C-alpha atoms as a PDB file:
ATOM      1  CA  UNK A   1      94.274  37.338 125.932  1.00  0.00           C
ATOM      2  CA  UNK A   2      93.715  36.999 122.181  1.00  0.00           C
ATOM      3  CA  UNK A   3      96.317  34.149 122.038  1.00  0.00           C
ATOM      4  CA  UNK A   4      94.515  32.344 124.902  1.00  0.00           C
ATOM      5  CA  UNK A   5      91.198  32.592 122.879  1.00  0.00           C
ATOM      6  CA  UNK A   6      93.169  31.388 119.790  1.00  0.00           C
ATOM      7  CA  UNK A   7      94.451  28.322 121.596  1.00  0.00           C
ATOM      8  CA  UNK A   8      90.939  27.530 122.893  1.00  0.00           C
ATOM      9  CA  UNK A   9      89.454  28.025 119.391  1.00  0.00           C
ATOM     10  CA  UNK A  10      92.061  25.680 117.948  1.00  0.00           C
ATOM     11  CA  UNK A  11      91.338  22.970 120.589  1.00  0.00           C
ATOM     12  CA  UNK A  12      87.717  23.236 119.813  1.00  0.00           C
ATOM     13  CA  UNK A  13      88.173  22.750 116.137  1.00  0.00           C
ATOM     14  CA  UNK A  14      90.536  19.818 116.776  1.00  0.00           C
ATOM     15  CA  UNK A  15      88.035  18.053 118.875  1.00  0.00           C
ATOM     16  CA  UNK A  16      85.217  18.488 116.322  1.00  0.00           C
ATOM     17  CA  UNK A  17      87.634  17.343 113.608  1.00  0.00           C
ATOM     18  CA  UNK A  18      88.683  14.354 115.635  1.00  0.00           C
ATOM     19  CA  UNK A  19      85.043  13.365 115.999  1.00  0.00           C
ATOM     20  CA  UNK A  20      84.519  13.651 112.137  1.00  0.00           C
ATOM     21  CA  UNK A  21      87.761  11.667 111.332  1.00  0.00           C
ATOM     22  CA  UNK A  22      86.478   8.777 113.338  1.00  0.00           C
ATOM     23  CA  UNK A  23      83.365   8.622 111.021  1.00  0.00           C
ATOM     24  CA  UNK A  24      85.589   9.241 107.798  1.00  0.00           C
ATOM     25  CA  UNK A  25      88.230   6.445 108.627  1.00  0.00           C
ATOM     26  CA  UNK A  26      85.671   4.128 110.109  1.00  0.00           C
ATOM     27  CA  UNK A  27      87.887   3.209 112.855  1.00  0.00           C
ATOM     28  CA  UNK A  28      86.789   0.336 115.106  1.00  0.00           C
ATOM     29  CA  UNK A  29      85.552   1.540 118.626  1.00  0.00           C
ATOM     30  CA  UNK A  30      87.045  -1.442 120.237  1.00  0.00           C
ATOM     31  CA  UNK A  31      90.718  -0.299 119.142  1.00  0.00           C
ATOM     32  CA  UNK A  32      89.907   3.307 120.224  1.00  0.00           C
ATOM     33  CA  UNK A  33      88.930   1.896 123.694  1.00  0.00           C
ATOM     34  CA  UNK A  34      91.868  -0.589 123.945  1.00  0.00           C
ATOM     35  CA  UNK A  35      94.432  -0.159 126.626  1.00  0.00           C
ATOM     36  CA  UNK A  36      97.295   0.909 124.488  1.00  0.00           C
ATOM     37  CA  UNK A  37      94.994   3.564 122.702  1.00  0.00           C
ATOM     38  CA  UNK A  38      93.893   4.897 126.075  1.00  0.00           C
ATOM     39  CA  UNK A  39      97.504   5.120 127.236  1.00  0.00           C
ATOM     40  CA  UNK A  40      98.638   7.012 124.081  1.00  0.00           C
ATOM     41  CA  UNK A  41      95.608   9.409 124.340  1.00  0.00           C
ATOM     42  CA  UNK A  42      96.255  10.042 128.128  1.00  0.00           C
ATOM     43  CA  UNK A  43      99.984  10.684 127.374  1.00  0.00           C
ATOM     44  CA  UNK A  44      99.604  12.972 124.641  1.00  0.00           C
ATOM     45  CA  UNK A  45      96.990  15.158 126.464  1.00  0.00           C
ATOM     46  CA  UNK A  46      99.413  15.436 129.428  1.00  0.00           C
ATOM     47  CA  UNK A  47     102.254  16.348 127.094  1.00  0.00           C
ATOM     48  CA  UNK A  48     100.176  18.896 125.274  1.00  0.00           C
ATOM     49  CA  UNK A  49      98.945  20.373 128.607  1.00  0.00           C
ATOM     50  CA  UNK A  50     102.510  20.617 129.953  1.00  0.00           C
ATOM     51  CA  UNK A  51     103.789  22.194 126.848  1.00  0.00           C
ATOM     52  CA  UNK A  52     101.099  24.727 126.633  1.00  0.00           C
ATOM     53  CA  UNK A  53     101.568  25.879 130.298  1.00  0.00           C
ATOM     54  CA  UNK A  54     105.289  26.392 129.575  1.00  0.00           C
ATOM     55  CA  UNK A  55     104.446  28.036 126.279  1.00  0.00           C
ATOM     56  CA  UNK A  56     102.076  30.531 128.075  1.00  0.00           C
ATOM     57  CA  UNK A  57     105.022  31.383 130.348  1.00  0.00           C
ATOM     58  CA  UNK A  58     107.129  32.111 127.343  1.00  0.00           C
ATOM     59  CA  UNK A  59     104.439  33.979 125.656  1.00  0.00           C
ATOM     60  CA  UNK A  60     104.326  36.588 128.517  1.00  0.00           C
ATOM     61  CA  UNK A  61     108.116  37.176 128.099  1.00  0.00           C
ATOM     62  CA  UNK A  62     108.548  36.922 124.258  1.00  0.00           C
ATOM     63  CA  UNK A  63     105.173  38.002 122.598  1.00  0.00           C
ATOM     64  CA  UNK A  64     103.019  36.712 119.898  1.00  0.00           C
ATOM     65  CA  UNK A  65     105.503  35.301 117.461  1.00  0.00           C
ATOM     66  CA  UNK A  66     107.186  33.221 120.089  1.00  0.00           C
ATOM     67  CA  UNK A  67     103.729  31.913 121.012  1.00  0.00           C
ATOM     68  CA  UNK A  68     102.917  30.849 117.474  1.00  0.00           C
ATOM     69  CA  UNK A  69     106.136  29.237 116.822  1.00  0.00           C
ATOM     70  CA  UNK A  70     106.152  27.415 120.135  1.00  0.00           C
ATOM     71  CA  UNK A  71     102.587  26.146 119.506  1.00  0.00           C
ATOM     72  CA  UNK A  72     103.634  24.784 116.144  1.00  0.00           C
ATOM     73  CA  UNK A  73     106.737  23.120 117.761  1.00  0.00           C
ATOM     74  CA  UNK A  74     104.714  21.522 120.681  1.00  0.00           C
ATOM     75  CA  UNK A  75     101.869  20.510 118.372  1.00  0.00           C
ATOM     76  CA  UNK A  76     104.317  18.829 115.899  1.00  0.00           C
ATOM     77  CA  UNK A  77     106.432  17.095 118.521  1.00  0.00           C
ATOM     78  CA  UNK A  78     103.263  15.649 120.443  1.00  0.00           C
ATOM     79  CA  UNK A  79     101.612  14.617 117.208  1.00  0.00           C
ATOM     80  CA  UNK A  80     104.747  12.914 115.965  1.00  0.00           C
ATOM     81  CA  UNK A  81     105.172  10.922 118.978  1.00  0.00           C
ATOM     82  CA  UNK A  82     101.537  10.142 119.047  1.00  0.00           C
ATOM     83  CA  UNK A  83     101.577   8.978 115.473  1.00  0.00           C
ATOM     84  CA  UNK A  84     104.560   6.716 115.897  1.00  0.00           C
ATOM     85  CA  UNK A  85     103.083   4.954 119.055  1.00  0.00           C
ATOM     86  CA  UNK A  86      99.733   4.597 117.318  1.00  0.00           C
ATOM     87  CA  UNK A  87     101.481   3.055 114.302  1.00  0.00           C
ATOM     88  CA  UNK A  88     103.519   0.678 116.474  1.00  0.00           C
ATOM     89  CA  UNK A  89     101.028  -0.378 119.054  1.00  0.00           C
ATOM     90  CA  UNK A  90      97.667  -0.247 117.381  1.00  0.00           C
ATOM     91  CA  UNK A  91      98.596  -2.575 114.477  1.00  0.00           C
ATOM     92  CA  UNK A  92      95.890  -2.909 111.901  1.00  0.00           C
ATOM     93  CA  UNK A  93      94.289   0.254 112.834  1.00  0.00           C
ATOM     94  CA  UNK A  94      94.072   3.505 110.885  1.00  0.00           C
ATOM     95  CA  UNK A  95      94.077   5.581 113.879  1.00  0.00           C
ATOM     96  CA  UNK A  96      97.590   7.091 113.059  1.00  0.00           C
ATOM     97  CA  UNK A  97      96.054   8.355 109.778  1.00  0.00           C
ATOM     98  CA  UNK A  98      93.329  10.193 111.530  1.00  0.00           C
ATOM     99  CA  UNK A  99      95.949  11.703 113.870  1.00  0.00           C
ATOM    100  CA  UNK A 100      97.903  12.852 110.859  1.00  0.00           C
ATOM    101  CA  UNK A 101      94.827  14.349 109.140  1.00  0.00           C
ATOM    102  CA  UNK A 102      94.013  16.130 112.508  1.00  0.00           C
ATOM    103  CA  UNK A 103      97.530  17.414 112.722  1.00  0.00           C
ATOM    104  CA  UNK A 104      97.429  18.916 109.140  1.00  0.00           C
ATOM    105  CA  UNK A 105      94.316  20.566 109.689  1.00  0.00           C
ATOM    106  CA  UNK A 106      95.394  21.950 113.018  1.00  0.00           C
ATOM    107  CA  UNK A 107      98.617  23.368 111.428  1.00  0.00           C
ATOM    108  CA  UNK A 108      96.673  24.850 108.601  1.00  0.00           C
ATOM    109  CA  UNK A 109      94.397  26.451 111.244  1.00  0.00           C
ATOM    110  CA  UNK A 110      97.390  27.884 112.997  1.00  0.00           C
ATOM    111  CA  UNK A 111      99.010  29.304 109.846  1.00  0.00           C
ATOM    112  CA  UNK A 112      95.636  30.932 108.915  1.00  0.00           C
ATOM    113  CA  UNK A 113      95.315  32.547 112.519  1.00  0.00           C
ATOM    114  CA  UNK A 114      99.001  33.760 112.228  1.00  0.00           C
ATOM    115  CA  UNK A 115      98.195  35.439 109.000  1.00  0.00           C
ATOM    116  CA  UNK A 116      95.075  37.158 110.420  1.00  0.00           C
ATOM    117  CA  UNK A 117      96.980  38.494 113.347  1.00  0.00           C
END
């Protein structure tokens, strides 16, 4: 149950950080609401959801260490693909930088939580 709370806390922190990153990077709202940006956002949410469902199954069998490593792998894979598509499809936008900053902060949070538990 602690790991479920950890994931929820991490997601809440990432949502807050993404809102702050929009202000820091001053990304045009028209870019964020464009069709390619919406497809990228939707695809990354589905991939993250599917990965976390699989990870919860593995967590029940393997334990906390497998969960932490799996979380980092899934988060890295989804963020990497998302950054690539944002860079390719949203030319002239700094959205991919925002995703990279969110990824780094999310990984730091995950390492911090691993150190605590």
